Amino acid sequence: MKRHRFEPARLIAGLTALTLGTGYGLDALGLWQAPGLWLFLALPAGLLLSGVTAATWAAIRRHRTPHTDDTPPLTHP
């Protein structure tokens, strides 16, 4: 299996979607009385957190990876 780089923003977005889906599903089944306002506000909060995480992660990766512009130019023999 091909390895993928770790992306925490996708993890947060996925956990937000999974939590919201579970909450609405349990409410629809009558197993849990979901507070509607909390579930409604959880989506923008999770997406905002995911966006901040993506921006932070990109800034960290940009400063940690070596620059490839320092390679010498190719010469012809």
N, C-alpha and C. Protein backbone atom coordinates (compact mmCIF):
# COMPACT_ATOMS: atom_id res chain seq x y z
N MET A 1 0.83 -1.16 0.00
CA MET A 1 0.00 0.00 0.00
C MET A 1 0.89 1.24 0.00
N LYS A 2 0.49 2.23 -0.79
CA LYS A 2 1.25 3.46 -0.88
C LYS A 2 1.05 4.28 0.39
N ARG A 3 2.14 4.78 0.92
CA ARG A 3 2.06 5.59 2.13
C ARG A 3 1.72 7.03 1.79
N HIS A 4 0.89 7.63 2.60
CA HIS A 4 0.50 9.02 2.42
C HIS A 4 1.07 9.83 3.58
N ARG A 5 1.28 11.12 3.31
CA ARG A 5 1.75 11.95 4.40
C ARG A 5 0.60 12.24 5.35
N PHE A 6 0.96 12.47 6.59
CA PHE A 6 -0.03 12.73 7.63
C PHE A 6 -0.55 14.15 7.47
N GLU A 7 -1.87 14.30 7.43
CA GLU A 7 -2.50 15.61 7.32
C GLU A 7 -3.50 15.76 8.47
N PRO A 8 -3.09 16.47 9.53
CA PRO A 8 -3.97 16.58 10.70
C PRO A 8 -5.27 17.33 10.42
N ALA A 9 -5.28 18.24 9.45
CA ALA A 9 -6.51 18.98 9.15
C ALA A 9 -7.59 18.03 8.62
N ARG A 10 -7.20 17.08 7.80
CA ARG A 10 -8.17 16.09 7.31
C ARG A 10 -8.67 15.20 8.43
N LEU A 11 -7.79 14.89 9.38
CA LEU A 11 -8.19 14.09 10.53
C LEU A 11 -9.24 14.83 11.35
N ILE A 12 -9.02 16.11 11.59
CA ILE A 12 -9.97 16.89 12.37
C ILE A 12 -11.30 17.03 11.62
N ALA A 13 -11.25 17.30 10.33
CA ALA A 13 -12.48 17.41 9.55
C ALA A 13 -13.25 16.09 9.54
N GLY A 14 -12.54 14.99 9.41
CA GLY A 14 -13.19 13.68 9.42
C GLY A 14 -13.81 13.35 10.76
N LEU A 15 -13.10 13.66 11.84
CA LEU A 15 -13.66 13.41 13.17
C LEU A 15 -14.87 14.29 13.44
N THR A 16 -14.83 15.52 12.93
CA THR A 16 -15.99 16.40 13.07
C THR A 16 -17.19 15.82 12.34
N ALA A 17 -17.00 15.38 11.11
CA ALA A 17 -18.10 14.80 10.34
C ALA A 17 -18.62 13.51 10.99
N LEU A 18 -17.72 12.70 11.48
CA LEU A 18 -18.12 11.45 12.13
C LEU A 18 -18.91 11.73 13.40
N THR A 19 -18.48 12.71 14.18
CA THR A 19 -19.19 13.06 15.41
C THR A 19 -20.58 13.63 15.11
N LEU A 20 -20.65 14.50 14.12
CA LEU A 20 -21.96 15.06 13.76
C LEU A 20 -22.90 13.99 13.22
N GLY A 21 -22.39 13.12 12.38
CA GLY A 21 -23.22 12.05 11.85
C GLY A 21 -23.71 11.11 12.93
N THR A 22 -22.85 10.79 13.87
CA THR A 22 -23.25 9.93 14.99
C THR A 22 -24.29 10.61 15.86
N GLY A 23 -24.07 11.90 16.13
CA GLY A 23 -25.02 12.63 16.96
C GLY A 23 -26.40 12.72 16.33
N TYR A 24 -26.44 13.08 15.06
CA TYR A 24 -27.73 13.16 14.37
C TYR A 24 -28.37 11.78 14.20
N GLY A 25 -27.55 10.76 13.98
CA GLY A 25 -28.09 9.40 13.86
C GLY A 25 -28.70 8.91 15.16
N LEU A 26 -28.01 9.14 16.27
CA LEU A 26 -28.55 8.73 17.57
C LEU A 26 -29.81 9.52 17.92
N ASP A 27 -29.84 10.78 17.51
CA ASP A 27 -31.04 11.58 17.75
C ASP A 27 -32.21 11.08 16.91
N ALA A 28 -31.95 10.70 15.68
CA ALA A 28 -33.01 10.19 14.81
C ALA A 28 -33.56 8.86 15.31
N LEU A 29 -32.70 8.04 15.91
CA LEU A 29 -33.14 6.75 16.46
C LEU A 29 -33.83 6.90 17.81
N GLY A 30 -33.73 8.07 18.41
CA GLY A 30 -34.35 8.29 19.71
C GLY A 30 -33.52 7.78 20.87
N LEU A 31 -32.26 7.44 20.64
CA LEU A 31 -31.41 6.93 21.70
C LEU A 31 -30.73 8.04 22.49
N TRP A 32 -30.69 9.23 21.92
CA TRP A 32 -30.03 10.36 22.58
C TRP A 32 -30.73 11.64 22.16
N GLN A 33 -31.00 12.47 23.11
CA GLN A 33 -31.63 13.76 22.80
C GLN A 33 -30.53 14.76 22.53
N ALA A 34 -30.27 15.01 21.26
CA ALA A 34 -29.17 15.90 20.87
C ALA A 34 -29.59 17.35 21.02
N PRO A 35 -28.75 18.16 21.66
CA PRO A 35 -29.04 19.61 21.70
C PRO A 35 -28.78 20.19 20.32
N GLY A 36 -29.84 20.59 19.64
CA GLY A 36 -29.76 21.01 18.24
C GLY A 36 -28.78 22.12 17.98
N LEU A 37 -28.73 23.12 18.87
CA LEU A 37 -27.82 24.24 18.65
C LEU A 37 -26.37 23.80 18.72
N TRP A 38 -26.06 22.90 19.63
CA TRP A 38 -24.67 22.43 19.76
C TRP A 38 -24.22 21.66 18.52
N LEU A 39 -25.08 20.81 18.01
CA LEU A 39 -24.72 20.06 16.80
C LEU A 39 -24.62 20.99 15.60
N PHE A 40 -25.49 21.99 15.55
CA PHE A 40 -25.46 22.94 14.43
C PHE A 40 -24.19 23.79 14.45
N LEU A 41 -23.74 24.19 15.63
CA LEU A 41 -22.54 25.01 15.75
C LEU A 41 -21.25 24.20 15.71
N ALA A 42 -21.35 22.89 15.86
CA ALA A 42 -20.15 22.05 15.84
C ALA A 42 -19.53 21.99 14.44
N LEU A 43 -20.35 22.08 13.40
CA LEU A 43 -19.81 22.02 12.05
C LEU A 43 -18.92 23.22 11.72
N PRO A 44 -19.38 24.45 11.89
CA PRO A 44 -18.47 25.57 11.61
C PRO A 44 -17.26 25.59 12.54
N ALA A 45 -17.44 25.19 13.79
CA ALA A 45 -16.31 25.17 14.72
C ALA A 45 -15.27 24.14 14.28
N GLY A 46 -15.73 22.97 13.86
CA GLY A 46 -14.80 21.93 13.40
C GLY A 46 -14.10 22.33 12.11
N LEU A 47 -14.83 22.97 11.19
CA LEU A 47 -14.20 23.40 9.95
C LEU A 47 -13.21 24.55 10.19
N LEU A 48 -13.53 25.44 11.12
CA LEU A 48 -12.60 26.51 11.46
C LEU A 48 -11.33 25.94 12.09
N LEU A 49 -11.49 25.00 13.00
CA LEU A 49 -10.33 24.35 13.62
C LEU A 49 -9.50 23.61 12.58
N SER A 50 -10.16 22.98 11.64
CA SER A 50 -9.46 22.27 10.58
C SER A 50 -8.68 23.24 9.69
N GLY A 51 -9.26 24.39 9.38
CA GLY A 51 -8.57 25.38 8.57
C GLY A 51 -7.36 25.97 9.27
N VAL A 52 -7.50 26.27 10.56
CA VAL A 52 -6.37 26.78 11.33
C VAL A 52 -5.26 25.73 11.41
N THR A 53 -5.64 24.49 11.59
CA THR A 53 -4.66 23.41 11.64
C THR A 53 -3.95 23.26 10.31
N ALA A 54 -4.68 23.36 9.20
CA ALA A 54 -4.06 23.24 7.88
C ALA A 54 -3.07 24.38 7.63
N ALA A 55 -3.43 25.59 8.02
CA ALA A 55 -2.52 26.73 7.84
C ALA A 55 -1.28 26.59 8.70
N THR A 56 -1.45 26.15 9.93
CA THR A 56 -0.31 25.96 10.83
C THR A 56 0.59 24.84 10.32
N TRP A 57 -0.01 23.74 9.88
CA TRP A 57 0.75 22.61 9.38
C TRP A 57 1.53 22.98 8.12
N ALA A 58 0.92 23.77 7.24
CA ALA A 58 1.62 24.20 6.03
C ALA A 58 2.80 25.11 6.36
N ALA A 59 2.61 26.00 7.33
CA ALA A 59 3.71 26.89 7.73
C ALA A 59 4.86 26.10 8.34
N ILE A 60 4.54 25.12 9.14
CA ILE A 60 5.58 24.29 9.76
C ILE A 60 6.33 23.50 8.69
N ARG A 61 5.59 22.90 7.77
CA ARG A 61 6.25 22.10 6.73
C ARG A 61 7.09 22.96 5.81
N ARG A 62 6.65 24.19 5.55
CA ARG A 62 7.40 25.08 4.67
C ARG A 62 8.75 25.45 5.29
N HIS A 63 8.78 25.61 6.60
CA HIS A 63 10.02 26.00 7.27
C HIS A 63 10.92 24.81 7.59
N ARG A 64 10.39 23.61 7.60
CA ARG A 64 11.18 22.43 7.94
C ARG A 64 11.79 21.74 6.75
N THR A 65 11.18 21.84 5.58
CA THR A 65 11.69 21.13 4.41
C THR A 65 12.86 21.88 3.81
N PRO A 66 13.88 21.16 3.35
CA PRO A 66 15.02 21.85 2.73
C PRO A 66 14.63 22.43 1.38
N HIS A 67 15.22 23.56 1.06
CA HIS A 67 14.93 24.21 -0.21
C HIS A 67 15.72 23.52 -1.32
N THR A 68 15.07 23.28 -2.43
CA THR A 68 15.74 22.60 -3.55
C THR A 68 16.29 23.59 -4.56
N ASP A 69 16.14 24.90 -4.31
CA ASP A 69 16.64 25.90 -5.25
C ASP A 69 18.16 26.07 -5.15
N ASP A 70 18.79 25.48 -4.17
CA ASP A 70 20.23 25.64 -3.96
C ASP A 70 21.05 24.64 -4.76
N THR A 71 20.42 23.85 -5.62
CA THR A 71 21.17 22.86 -6.39
C THR A 71 21.91 23.56 -7.52
N PRO A 72 23.11 23.10 -7.81
CA PRO A 72 23.88 23.76 -8.90
C PRO A 72 23.23 23.46 -10.25
N PRO A 73 23.39 24.37 -11.21
CA PRO A 73 22.79 24.15 -12.54
C PRO A 73 23.51 23.02 -13.27
N LEU A 74 22.79 22.39 -14.19
CA LEU A 74 23.37 21.31 -14.96
C LEU A 74 24.32 21.88 -16.01
N THR A 75 25.44 21.23 -16.20
CA THR A 75 26.39 21.66 -17.23
C THR A 75 26.49 20.59 -18.27
N HIS A 76 26.72 21.01 -19.49
CA HIS A 76 26.87 20.06 -20.60
C HIS A 76 28.34 19.75 -20.79
N PRO A 77 28.70 18.51 -21.05
CA PRO A 77 30.13 18.15 -21.20
C PRO A 77 30.75 18.64 -22.49
